[in-house]
N, C-alpha and C. Protein backbone atom coordinates (compact mmCIF):
# COMPACT_ATOMS: atom_id res chain seq x y z
N MET A 1 -24.19 -0.12 -34.65
CA MET A 1 -22.86 -1.17 -34.57
C MET A 1 -21.57 -0.92 -34.68
N GLN A 2 -20.53 -0.67 -33.54
CA GLN A 2 -18.84 -0.63 -33.60
C GLN A 2 -18.40 -1.71 -34.18
N ILE A 3 -18.14 -1.71 -35.30
CA ILE A 3 -17.64 -3.51 -36.09
C ILE A 3 -16.18 -3.55 -35.32
N LYS A 4 -15.34 -2.81 -34.83
CA LYS A 4 -14.17 -2.51 -34.37
C LYS A 4 -14.33 -2.86 -33.11
N LEU A 5 -15.03 -3.52 -32.52
CA LEU A 5 -15.22 -4.04 -31.21
C LEU A 5 -15.05 -5.49 -31.44
N TYR A 6 -15.55 -5.92 -32.58
CA TYR A 6 -15.25 -7.55 -33.22
C TYR A 6 -13.79 -7.73 -34.01
N ILE A 7 -13.39 -7.22 -33.47
CA ILE A 7 -12.03 -7.08 -34.66
C ILE A 7 -10.88 -7.54 -33.11
N PRO A 8 -10.33 -8.81 -33.61
CA PRO A 8 -9.06 -9.33 -32.90
C PRO A 8 -7.98 -8.25 -32.83
N ASN A 9 -6.78 -8.35 -31.94
CA ASN A 9 -5.11 -8.03 -31.90
C ASN A 9 -5.42 -8.95 -32.84
N LYS A 10 -5.11 -9.64 -32.68
CA LYS A 10 -4.24 -10.73 -33.15
C LYS A 10 -5.37 -12.14 -33.18
N ILE A 11 -4.66 -12.89 -34.33
CA ILE A 11 -5.61 -13.95 -34.77
C ILE A 11 -4.55 -15.52 -34.82
N TYR A 12 -4.64 -16.49 -34.41
CA TYR A 12 -3.79 -17.74 -34.38
C TYR A 12 -4.75 -18.86 -34.47
N LYS A 13 -4.31 -20.09 -34.85
CA LYS A 13 -5.10 -21.41 -35.59
C LYS A 13 -5.43 -22.03 -34.17
N SER A 14 -4.57 -21.85 -33.55
CA SER A 14 -4.94 -22.66 -32.12
C SER A 14 -4.55 -21.56 -30.65
N ILE A 15 -4.82 -21.85 -29.64
CA ILE A 15 -4.00 -21.48 -28.39
C ILE A 15 -2.64 -22.27 -28.10
N TYR A 16 -1.82 -23.17 -28.91
CA TYR A 16 -1.30 -23.50 -29.21
C TYR A 16 0.08 -22.95 -29.90
N ASP A 17 -0.75 -22.09 -30.43
CA ASP A 17 0.22 -21.03 -31.86
C ASP A 17 0.63 -20.19 -31.84
N ILE A 18 0.23 -19.80 -30.27
CA ILE A 18 0.06 -18.29 -29.71
C ILE A 18 1.65 -18.20 -29.06
N ASP A 19 2.02 -16.66 -29.91
CA ASP A 19 3.50 -16.70 -29.15
C ASP A 19 3.25 -16.09 -27.98
N TYR A 20 3.58 -16.73 -27.52
CA TYR A 20 3.52 -16.66 -25.61
C TYR A 20 4.70 -15.46 -25.15
N TYR A 21 5.69 -15.60 -25.63
CA TYR A 21 7.05 -15.15 -25.67
C TYR A 21 6.78 -13.69 -26.07
N SER A 22 6.26 -13.22 -27.30
CA SER A 22 5.68 -12.21 -27.78
C SER A 22 4.59 -11.32 -26.68
N LEU A 23 3.82 -12.26 -25.97
CA LEU A 23 3.24 -11.75 -25.42
C LEU A 23 3.30 -10.78 -23.98
N LYS A 24 4.52 -11.71 -23.37
CA LYS A 24 5.37 -11.53 -22.12
C LYS A 24 6.34 -9.95 -22.40
N ASN A 25 6.87 -10.29 -23.44
CA ASN A 25 7.46 -9.08 -24.04
C ASN A 25 6.84 -7.99 -24.54
N MET A 26 5.59 -8.09 -24.45
CA MET A 26 4.69 -6.66 -24.23
C MET A 26 4.19 -6.62 -22.72
N ASN A 27 4.58 -7.07 -21.67
CA ASN A 27 4.21 -6.77 -20.53
C ASN A 27 3.05 -7.39 -20.18
N LYS A 28 2.28 -8.24 -21.43
CA LYS A 28 1.13 -9.10 -21.00
C LYS A 28 1.39 -10.16 -19.94
N ASP A 29 1.13 -9.83 -18.44
CA ASP A 29 0.96 -11.54 -17.89
C ASP A 29 -0.12 -12.02 -17.43
N ILE A 30 -1.29 -11.48 -17.82
CA ILE A 30 -2.12 -12.38 -17.53
C ILE A 30 -2.96 -12.58 -18.39
N LEU A 31 -3.45 -13.75 -18.46
CA LEU A 31 -4.63 -14.57 -19.94
C LEU A 31 -5.53 -14.97 -19.34
N LEU A 32 -6.77 -14.01 -19.87
CA LEU A 32 -8.21 -15.06 -20.01
C LEU A 32 -8.08 -15.58 -21.13
N PHE A 33 -8.43 -17.24 -20.39
CA PHE A 33 -8.78 -18.05 -21.30
C PHE A 33 -10.51 -18.06 -21.63
N ASP A 34 -11.02 -17.99 -22.88
CA ASP A 34 -12.09 -18.97 -22.95
C ASP A 34 -12.58 -20.24 -22.45
N VAL A 35 -13.10 -20.82 -21.81
CA VAL A 35 -12.92 -22.43 -21.60
C VAL A 35 -13.54 -23.29 -23.23
N ASP A 36 -14.82 -23.27 -23.43
CA ASP A 36 -15.51 -24.26 -24.72
C ASP A 36 -15.36 -23.40 -25.75
N ASN A 37 -14.72 -24.37 -26.47
CA ASN A 37 -14.26 -24.21 -27.76
C ASN A 37 -13.07 -23.94 -28.05
N THR A 38 -12.45 -23.37 -27.14
CA THR A 38 -11.14 -22.73 -27.13
C THR A 38 -9.44 -23.20 -26.35
N LEU A 39 -10.18 -23.66 -25.02
CA LEU A 39 -9.12 -24.70 -24.49
C LEU A 39 -9.62 -26.52 -25.03
N MET A 40 -11.18 -26.49 -24.52
CA MET A 40 -11.30 -28.10 -24.87
C MET A 40 -12.94 -28.00 -25.43
N SER A 41 -13.39 -29.12 -26.36
CA SER A 41 -14.78 -29.09 -26.79
C SER A 41 -15.45 -28.75 -25.85
N TYR A 42 -17.34 -28.75 -25.87
CA TYR A 42 -18.46 -28.85 -25.41
C TYR A 42 -18.09 -30.55 -24.55
N LEU A 43 -17.68 -30.87 -25.97
CA LEU A 43 -18.07 -32.64 -24.99
C LEU A 43 -17.05 -33.13 -24.35
N GLU A 44 -15.35 -32.43 -24.31
CA GLU A 44 -14.64 -32.82 -23.00
C GLU A 44 -15.13 -32.66 -21.81
N ASN A 45 -14.68 -33.87 -20.74
CA ASN A 45 -14.94 -33.27 -19.37
C ASN A 45 -13.57 -32.59 -18.65
N ASN A 46 -12.09 -33.40 -19.12
CA ASN A 46 -11.28 -33.45 -18.84
C ASN A 46 -10.02 -32.82 -19.46
N PRO A 47 -9.21 -31.52 -19.29
CA PRO A 47 -8.25 -31.22 -20.23
C PRO A 47 -7.43 -32.36 -20.56
N SER A 48 -6.70 -32.20 -21.79
CA SER A 48 -5.78 -33.56 -21.75
C SER A 48 -4.12 -33.10 -21.76
N ASP A 49 -3.35 -33.62 -21.86
CA ASP A 49 -1.98 -33.63 -20.91
C ASP A 49 -1.29 -32.58 -21.92
N LYS A 50 -1.79 -32.46 -22.98
CA LYS A 50 -0.62 -31.10 -24.38
C LYS A 50 -1.44 -30.06 -23.80
N LEU A 51 -3.09 -30.12 -22.93
CA LEU A 51 -3.17 -28.35 -22.46
C LEU A 51 -2.58 -28.04 -21.26
N ILE A 52 -2.95 -29.67 -20.27
CA ILE A 52 -2.18 -29.55 -18.71
C ILE A 52 -0.37 -29.15 -19.35
N ASP A 53 0.15 -29.71 -20.24
CA ASP A 53 1.89 -29.29 -20.62
C ASP A 53 1.93 -27.71 -20.51
N LEU A 54 0.47 -26.98 -21.33
CA LEU A 54 0.73 -25.60 -21.67
C LEU A 54 0.54 -25.03 -20.26
N PHE A 55 -0.54 -25.37 -19.91
CA PHE A 55 -0.33 -24.33 -18.76
C PHE A 55 0.47 -24.37 -17.43
N ASN A 56 1.12 -25.55 -17.61
CA ASN A 56 2.44 -25.60 -16.25
C ASN A 56 3.80 -24.51 -17.14
N LYS A 57 3.98 -24.73 -18.19
CA LYS A 57 4.51 -24.04 -19.20
C LYS A 57 4.32 -22.53 -19.11
N LEU A 58 3.41 -21.94 -19.43
CA LEU A 58 2.78 -20.98 -18.86
C LEU A 58 2.83 -19.82 -17.50
N ASN A 59 2.65 -20.80 -16.67
CA ASN A 59 3.18 -20.56 -15.12
C ASN A 59 3.82 -20.51 -14.94
N ASP A 60 4.91 -21.23 -15.49
CA ASP A 60 6.17 -21.66 -15.26
C ASP A 60 6.84 -19.95 -16.01
N LEU A 61 6.61 -19.71 -16.92
CA LEU A 61 6.83 -17.90 -17.78
C LEU A 61 6.21 -17.15 -16.81
N GLY A 62 5.56 -17.01 -15.82
CA GLY A 62 4.80 -16.19 -14.29
C GLY A 62 3.83 -15.65 -15.36
N PHE A 63 3.33 -16.51 -16.18
CA PHE A 63 1.53 -15.90 -16.47
C PHE A 63 0.67 -15.93 -15.52
N LYS A 64 -0.16 -15.14 -15.37
CA LYS A 64 -1.14 -15.31 -14.21
C LYS A 64 -2.16 -16.10 -15.29
N THR A 65 -2.72 -16.99 -15.13
CA THR A 65 -3.95 -17.87 -15.79
C THR A 65 -5.23 -18.07 -15.72
N LEU A 66 -6.61 -17.48 -16.42
CA LEU A 66 -7.79 -17.58 -15.54
C LEU A 66 -8.58 -17.91 -16.52
N LEU A 67 -9.57 -18.73 -16.21
CA LEU A 67 -10.63 -19.40 -17.37
C LEU A 67 -11.65 -18.24 -16.72
N ILE A 68 -12.69 -18.00 -17.76
CA ILE A 68 -13.42 -17.21 -18.55
C ILE A 68 -14.48 -17.86 -18.89
N SER A 69 -15.77 -17.73 -18.37
CA SER A 69 -16.76 -18.74 -19.11
C SER A 69 -18.07 -18.72 -18.90
N ASN A 70 -19.01 -18.46 -20.32
CA ASN A 70 -20.30 -18.49 -19.45
C ASN A 70 -20.89 -19.55 -18.81
N ASN A 71 -20.17 -21.07 -18.98
CA ASN A 71 -20.84 -22.15 -18.32
C ASN A 71 -20.61 -21.77 -16.83
N ASN A 72 -20.88 -23.51 -16.29
CA ASN A 72 -21.70 -23.48 -14.98
C ASN A 72 -20.24 -23.77 -13.90
N LYS A 73 -20.44 -23.78 -12.55
CA LYS A 73 -19.34 -22.89 -11.69
C LYS A 73 -18.54 -24.50 -11.65
N THR A 74 -19.12 -25.77 -11.88
CA THR A 74 -18.76 -27.16 -11.84
C THR A 74 -17.84 -27.44 -13.12
N ARG A 75 -18.41 -26.89 -13.95
CA ARG A 75 -17.26 -26.96 -15.80
C ARG A 75 -15.83 -26.64 -14.98
N VAL A 76 -16.76 -25.73 -14.94
CA VAL A 76 -14.86 -24.62 -14.93
C VAL A 76 -14.19 -24.60 -13.78
N GLY A 77 -14.73 -25.28 -13.04
CA GLY A 77 -14.27 -25.09 -11.00
C GLY A 77 -13.51 -26.29 -11.24
N ASN A 78 -13.81 -27.80 -12.14
CA ASN A 78 -12.88 -29.13 -12.47
C ASN A 78 -11.77 -29.07 -13.52
N ILE A 79 -12.18 -27.90 -14.42
CA ILE A 79 -11.00 -27.54 -15.15
C ILE A 79 -9.90 -26.71 -14.82
N LYS A 80 -10.30 -25.81 -13.81
CA LYS A 80 -9.40 -24.97 -12.96
C LYS A 80 -8.44 -25.69 -11.96
N LYS A 81 -8.93 -26.73 -11.43
CA LYS A 81 -8.29 -27.38 -10.75
C LYS A 81 -7.27 -28.38 -11.04
N VAL A 82 -7.50 -28.71 -12.15
CA VAL A 82 -6.61 -29.81 -13.43
C VAL A 82 -5.47 -28.41 -13.99
N LEU A 83 -5.94 -27.80 -14.23
CA LEU A 83 -4.50 -26.67 -14.92
C LEU A 83 -4.06 -26.11 -14.05
N ASN A 84 -4.53 -26.00 -12.55
CA ASN A 84 -3.84 -25.36 -11.90
C ASN A 84 -3.89 -23.68 -12.06
N CYS A 85 -4.94 -23.26 -12.68
CA CYS A 85 -5.06 -21.50 -13.02
C CYS A 85 -4.81 -20.57 -11.36
N PHE A 86 -4.63 -19.78 -11.64
CA PHE A 86 -4.95 -18.81 -10.83
C PHE A 86 -6.11 -18.50 -10.74
N ASP A 87 -7.03 -18.57 -10.98
CA ASP A 87 -8.63 -18.22 -10.87
C ASP A 87 -9.64 -18.62 -11.97
N ALA A 88 -10.59 -18.84 -11.81
CA ALA A 88 -11.63 -18.98 -13.41
C ALA A 88 -13.59 -18.17 -12.35
N PHE A 89 -13.57 -17.79 -13.62
CA PHE A 89 -15.10 -17.33 -13.61
C PHE A 89 -15.99 -17.64 -14.19
N TYR A 90 -17.02 -17.99 -13.84
CA TYR A 90 -17.91 -18.80 -14.38
C TYR A 90 -19.54 -17.77 -14.37
N LYS A 91 -20.00 -18.27 -15.41
CA LYS A 91 -21.33 -17.32 -15.64
C LYS A 91 -21.40 -16.02 -15.90
N LEU A 92 -20.44 -15.67 -16.63
CA LEU A 92 -20.40 -14.22 -16.68
C LEU A 92 -21.00 -13.48 -17.76
N ASN A 93 -22.04 -14.34 -18.48
CA ASN A 93 -22.59 -13.84 -19.40
C ASN A 93 -22.27 -12.66 -20.81
N LYS A 94 -20.94 -13.33 -21.42
CA LYS A 94 -20.31 -12.57 -22.12
C LYS A 94 -21.56 -12.68 -23.24
N PRO A 95 -21.53 -11.38 -24.03
CA PRO A 95 -20.52 -10.35 -24.22
C PRO A 95 -20.81 -9.30 -22.93
N CYS A 96 -21.44 -9.44 -22.29
CA CYS A 96 -21.89 -8.59 -21.08
C CYS A 96 -20.64 -8.41 -20.33
N VAL A 97 -19.97 -7.15 -20.08
CA VAL A 97 -19.01 -6.99 -19.38
C VAL A 97 -18.83 -6.31 -18.13
N TYR A 98 -20.19 -5.99 -17.42
CA TYR A 98 -20.34 -6.29 -16.21
C TYR A 98 -19.47 -6.86 -15.13
N LYS A 99 -19.73 -8.11 -15.04
CA LYS A 99 -19.53 -9.19 -14.39
C LYS A 99 -17.58 -9.17 -14.24
N LEU A 100 -17.13 -9.12 -15.69
CA LEU A 100 -15.55 -9.62 -16.17
C LEU A 100 -14.89 -8.18 -15.35
N ASN A 101 -15.61 -6.62 -15.86
CA ASN A 101 -15.10 -5.86 -15.32
C ASN A 101 -15.11 -5.92 -13.96
N LYS A 102 -16.46 -5.83 -13.33
CA LYS A 102 -15.89 -6.16 -11.45
C LYS A 102 -15.16 -7.07 -11.45
N LEU A 103 -15.02 -8.56 -11.47
CA LEU A 103 -14.12 -9.19 -11.20
C LEU A 103 -11.96 -8.61 -11.38
N ILE A 104 -11.99 -7.85 -12.66
CA ILE A 104 -11.02 -7.40 -12.53
C ILE A 104 -10.81 -6.33 -11.73
N LYS A 105 -11.44 -5.38 -11.44
CA LYS A 105 -11.14 -4.16 -10.25
C LYS A 105 -11.48 -4.93 -8.73
N GLN A 106 -11.74 -6.16 -8.53
CA GLN A 106 -11.71 -6.93 -7.63
C GLN A 106 -9.98 -7.32 -7.28
N LYS A 107 -9.77 -8.36 -8.34
CA LYS A 107 -8.56 -8.58 -8.96
C LYS A 107 -6.90 -7.84 -8.72
N GLU A 108 -7.90 -6.64 -9.00
CA GLU A 108 -6.78 -5.08 -9.40
C GLU A 108 -5.64 -5.15 -10.37
N PHE A 109 -6.26 -5.92 -11.08
CA PHE A 109 -5.54 -6.49 -12.20
C PHE A 109 -5.37 -5.30 -13.43
N ASP A 110 -4.24 -4.48 -13.89
CA ASP A 110 -3.66 -3.39 -14.79
C ASP A 110 -4.53 -4.33 -16.05
N LEU A 111 -5.18 -3.27 -16.90
CA LEU A 111 -6.14 -3.81 -17.97
C LEU A 111 -5.14 -3.71 -19.43
N ASN A 112 -4.10 -3.12 -18.97
CA ASN A 112 -2.79 -3.11 -20.22
C ASN A 112 -2.29 -4.31 -20.00
N ASN A 113 -2.12 -4.87 -18.73
CA ASN A 113 -1.44 -6.52 -18.56
C ASN A 113 -2.40 -7.72 -19.39
N ILE A 114 -3.42 -7.03 -19.33
CA ILE A 114 -4.38 -8.40 -20.09
C ILE A 114 -4.73 -8.96 -21.27
N VAL A 115 -4.30 -10.10 -21.35
CA VAL A 115 -4.82 -10.83 -23.09
C VAL A 115 -6.10 -11.73 -22.87
N LEU A 116 -6.96 -11.23 -23.51
CA LEU A 116 -8.85 -12.40 -23.59
C LEU A 116 -8.45 -12.79 -24.12
N ILE A 117 -8.25 -14.80 -24.34
CA ILE A 117 -8.57 -15.33 -25.39
C ILE A 117 -9.38 -16.51 -25.80
N GLY A 118 -10.10 -15.82 -26.96
CA GLY A 118 -10.86 -16.67 -27.14
C GLY A 118 -11.73 -17.16 -29.34
N ASP A 119 -13.04 -17.83 -29.00
CA ASP A 119 -12.87 -18.66 -30.26
C ASP A 119 -14.50 -17.88 -31.14
N GLN A 120 -14.65 -16.84 -30.05
CA GLN A 120 -16.11 -16.18 -30.53
C GLN A 120 -15.77 -14.93 -30.59
N MET A 121 -16.12 -14.36 -31.95
CA MET A 121 -15.93 -12.57 -32.29
C MET A 121 -17.07 -12.25 -31.25
N LEU A 122 -18.15 -12.80 -30.95
CA LEU A 122 -19.64 -12.03 -30.54
C LEU A 122 -19.61 -12.44 -29.46
N THR A 123 -18.94 -13.24 -28.16
CA THR A 123 -18.41 -13.29 -26.99
C THR A 123 -17.45 -12.79 -26.57
N ASP A 124 -16.10 -13.38 -27.14
CA ASP A 124 -14.86 -13.23 -26.40
C ASP A 124 -14.26 -12.01 -26.32
N ILE A 125 -14.10 -11.62 -28.24
CA ILE A 125 -13.66 -11.09 -28.77
C ILE A 125 -14.22 -9.13 -28.71
N TYR A 126 -15.29 -9.79 -28.61
CA TYR A 126 -16.35 -8.10 -28.20
C TYR A 126 -16.05 -7.47 -26.74
N CYS A 127 -15.82 -9.04 -26.03
CA CYS A 127 -16.06 -8.16 -24.15
C CYS A 127 -14.57 -7.56 -24.22
N GLY A 128 -13.69 -8.15 -24.85
CA GLY A 128 -12.05 -8.29 -24.80
C GLY A 128 -11.98 -6.60 -25.23
N ASN A 129 -12.08 -6.23 -26.15
CA ASN A 129 -12.32 -5.35 -26.73
C ASN A 129 -13.23 -3.93 -26.01
N LYS A 130 -14.27 -4.43 -25.65
CA LYS A 130 -15.04 -3.40 -24.95
C LYS A 130 -14.49 -3.38 -23.65
N ILE A 131 -13.81 -4.21 -22.26
CA ILE A 131 -13.33 -3.59 -21.74
C ILE A 131 -11.94 -2.80 -21.92
N GLY A 132 -11.36 -3.33 -23.41
CA GLY A 132 -10.06 -2.19 -23.35
C GLY A 132 -8.44 -3.37 -23.05
N VAL A 133 -8.94 -5.02 -22.99
CA VAL A 133 -7.61 -5.40 -23.22
C VAL A 133 -7.03 -6.13 -24.51
N PHE A 134 -6.19 -7.12 -24.50
CA PHE A 134 -5.46 -7.26 -25.70
C PHE A 134 -6.54 -8.76 -25.88
N SER A 135 -6.96 -8.41 -27.73
CA SER A 135 -8.35 -10.09 -27.85
C SER A 135 -7.47 -10.76 -28.77
N ILE A 136 -6.91 -12.26 -28.84
CA ILE A 136 -6.81 -13.11 -29.49
C ILE A 136 -7.49 -14.10 -29.78
N LEU A 137 -8.05 -14.08 -31.16
CA LEU A 137 -8.83 -15.10 -31.74
C LEU A 137 -8.32 -16.54 -31.96
N VAL A 138 -8.97 -17.15 -31.67
CA VAL A 138 -8.32 -18.90 -32.20
C VAL A 138 -9.45 -19.75 -32.90
N LYS A 139 -9.24 -20.43 -33.63
CA LYS A 139 -10.35 -21.24 -34.37
C LYS A 139 -10.61 -22.23 -33.13
N SER A 140 -12.34 -22.03 -33.38
CA SER A 140 -13.23 -23.35 -32.42
C SER A 140 -12.23 -24.66 -32.33
N ILE A 141 -12.85 -25.15 -31.28
CA ILE A 141 -11.65 -26.68 -31.35
C ILE A 141 -13.36 -27.67 -32.25
N ASP A 142 -14.32 -27.83 -32.11
CA ASP A 142 -15.24 -28.38 -32.24
C ASP A 142 -16.88 -27.37 -32.63
N ARG A 143 -17.43 -27.58 -33.64
CA ARG A 143 -18.35 -26.53 -33.89
C ARG A 143 -19.34 -27.24 -34.05
N SER A 144 -19.30 -28.70 -33.99
CA SER A 144 -20.20 -29.27 -34.23
C SER A 144 -20.78 -30.03 -32.75
N SER A 145 -20.20 -29.17 -31.87
CA SER A 145 -20.86 -29.62 -30.21
C SER A 145 -21.23 -28.31 -29.72
N GLU A 146 -21.35 -27.64 -30.48
CA GLU A 146 -21.63 -25.75 -29.95
C GLU A 146 -23.65 -25.93 -29.93
N HIS A 147 -23.88 -25.34 -28.53
CA HIS A 147 -25.24 -25.20 -28.14
C HIS A 147 -26.00 -24.95 -29.16
N TRP A 148 -27.15 -24.80 -29.21
CA TRP A 148 -28.04 -24.03 -30.47
C TRP A 148 -28.01 -22.51 -30.54
N TYR A 149 -27.68 -21.93 -29.27
CA TYR A 149 -27.23 -20.12 -29.39
C TYR A 149 -26.15 -19.97 -29.83
N THR A 150 -25.23 -20.58 -29.44
CA THR A 150 -24.20 -20.10 -29.97
C THR A 150 -24.10 -20.53 -31.46
N THR A 151 -25.19 -21.12 -32.18
CA THR A 151 -24.88 -21.58 -33.57
C THR A 151 -25.89 -20.16 -34.27
N ILE A 152 -26.55 -19.59 -33.75
CA ILE A 152 -27.32 -18.85 -33.85
C ILE A 152 -26.22 -17.44 -33.94
N ASN A 153 -25.30 -17.50 -32.85
CA ASN A 153 -23.92 -16.54 -32.76
C ASN A 153 -23.22 -16.03 -33.64
N ARG A 154 -23.10 -17.57 -34.87
CA ARG A 154 -22.03 -18.51 -35.74
C ARG A 154 -22.81 -17.10 -36.67
N LYS A 155 -24.15 -17.64 -37.11
CA LYS A 155 -24.65 -16.97 -38.13
C LYS A 155 -24.90 -15.21 -38.22
N ARG A 156 -24.70 -14.63 -37.39
CA ARG A 156 -24.79 -12.95 -36.76
C ARG A 156 -23.31 -12.95 -36.90
N GLU A 157 -22.16 -13.36 -36.78
CA GLU A 157 -20.49 -13.44 -36.90
C GLU A 157 -20.64 -13.50 -38.34
N LYS A 158 -21.12 -13.92 -38.95
CA LYS A 158 -20.86 -14.01 -40.38
C LYS A 158 -20.98 -12.88 -41.17
N ARG A 159 -22.26 -12.12 -40.70
CA ARG A 159 -22.45 -10.87 -41.16
C ARG A 159 -21.28 -9.67 -40.79
N ILE A 160 -21.11 -10.06 -39.59
CA ILE A 160 -19.97 -8.90 -39.34
C ILE A 160 -18.91 -9.15 -39.98
N ILE A 161 -17.93 -10.40 -39.32
CA ILE A 161 -17.08 -10.55 -41.06
C ILE A 161 -16.81 -10.18 -41.97
N ASN A 162 -17.88 -10.03 -42.68
CA ASN A 162 -18.82 -9.52 -44.07
C ASN A 162 -18.09 -7.66 -43.92
N LYS A 163 -18.95 -7.43 -42.68
CA LYS A 163 -18.78 -5.80 -42.32
C LYS A 163 -17.05 -5.65 -42.27
N ILE A 164 -16.39 -6.35 -41.85
CA ILE A 164 -14.99 -5.93 -41.44
C ILE A 164 -13.93 -6.20 -42.92
N LYS A 165 -14.51 -6.69 -43.79
CA LYS A 165 -13.95 -6.62 -44.78
C LYS A 165 -14.16 -4.81 -45.60
N ASP A 166 -15.01 -4.43 -45.13
CA ASP A 166 -15.06 -3.27 -45.29
C ASP A 166 -14.04 -2.23 -44.97
N ILE A 167 -13.79 -2.48 -43.59
CA ILE A 167 -12.36 -1.64 -42.85
C ILE A 167 -11.37 -2.31 -42.76
N ASP A 168 -10.97 -3.55 -43.09
CA ASP A 168 -9.51 -4.10 -42.77
C ASP A 168 -9.48 -5.74 -43.53
N ASN A 169 -8.80 -5.65 -44.93
CA ASN A 169 -9.22 -6.77 -45.88
C ASN A 169 -8.26 -7.84 -45.52
N ASN A 170 -7.16 -7.11 -44.84
CA ASN A 170 -6.32 -8.51 -44.43
C ASN A 170 -6.97 -8.87 -42.93
N ILE A 171 -7.21 -8.24 -42.21
CA ILE A 171 -7.89 -9.79 -41.21
C ILE A 171 -8.84 -9.58 -41.52
N TYR A 172 -9.80 -9.68 -42.60
CA TYR A 172 -11.03 -10.19 -43.19
C TYR A 172 -10.10 -11.43 -43.44
N GLN A 173 -8.86 -11.65 -44.29
CA GLN A 173 -9.06 -12.59 -45.22
C GLN A 173 -8.32 -13.78 -43.74
N GLN A 174 -7.73 -13.07 -43.01
CA GLN A 174 -6.98 -14.24 -42.10
C GLN A 174 -8.41 -14.69 -41.38
N ILE A 175 -9.13 -14.14 -40.88
CA ILE A 175 -10.48 -14.80 -40.35
C ILE A 175 -11.16 -15.82 -40.83
N VAL A 176 -10.99 -15.14 -42.33
CA VAL A 176 -12.02 -16.04 -43.63
C VAL A 176 -10.62 -17.45 -43.32
N ASP A 177 -9.29 -16.95 -43.70
CA ASP A 177 -8.60 -18.46 -43.52
C ASP A 177 -8.56 -19.06 -42.37
N LEU A 178 -9.02 -18.81 -41.29
CA LEU A 178 -9.22 -19.00 -39.86
C LEU A 178 -10.53 -19.80 -39.82
N TYR A 179 -11.74 -19.65 -40.37
CA TYR A 179 -12.70 -20.71 -40.29
C TYR A 179 -12.83 -21.62 -41.61
N LYS A 180 -12.14 -21.67 -42.53
CA LYS A 180 -11.93 -22.64 -43.80
C LYS A 180 -11.59 -24.11 -42.76
C-alpha cells in the first residue's frame, strides 16, 4: 500500500475555508468537487444559499467547477443545475480512476490545472493523487448520514492515518485535528 497516495496536498476545515485566490495564483483553474459530505450532507437535496454564493464567486473568479460523485445521475445532475457548474460526473466508482481519467482526457484538461476537493482519503484524495492532480481534504459535513460502505472505509482510513504518522507527523496531526 502506497500511503503517500492518501496524503492530501492541503487540508482545510471546509470548502469555505479554502484559499481559492492562492489556487488561482498556482494556475489551478479547474475544481473537481466531491458532492456528498463535501458540499452537502447525504440528507440534503438542495444546495444552501451559502453554497450557491460560493459557486457564483468561483465562477466569477474564472474557475471551471465540476462535480464528481459515486452517486447517481439524478442527485448529481440536480445539484449541478442549481450550482451552475461547468459539468458533473456521476457513478465514477472512486477510487478507481479509469472513468475520471477518461473524462479529463475528453475535456482536454491539463492535470496541472486541476484541484480535487473531497472529504474521504480512501476515495477522493487517493483518486486525485493517483491521477496526479492537486488534492485537498476537508472535514466531512455529517458522518452520521453516511452509507454503510463509507463507514467501512472510515475504519480503513483510521489505519492509514496511523501509518501517515510514520511518514509525516505534521500532516498526521492536521488530519487528527480535522477529524476531532
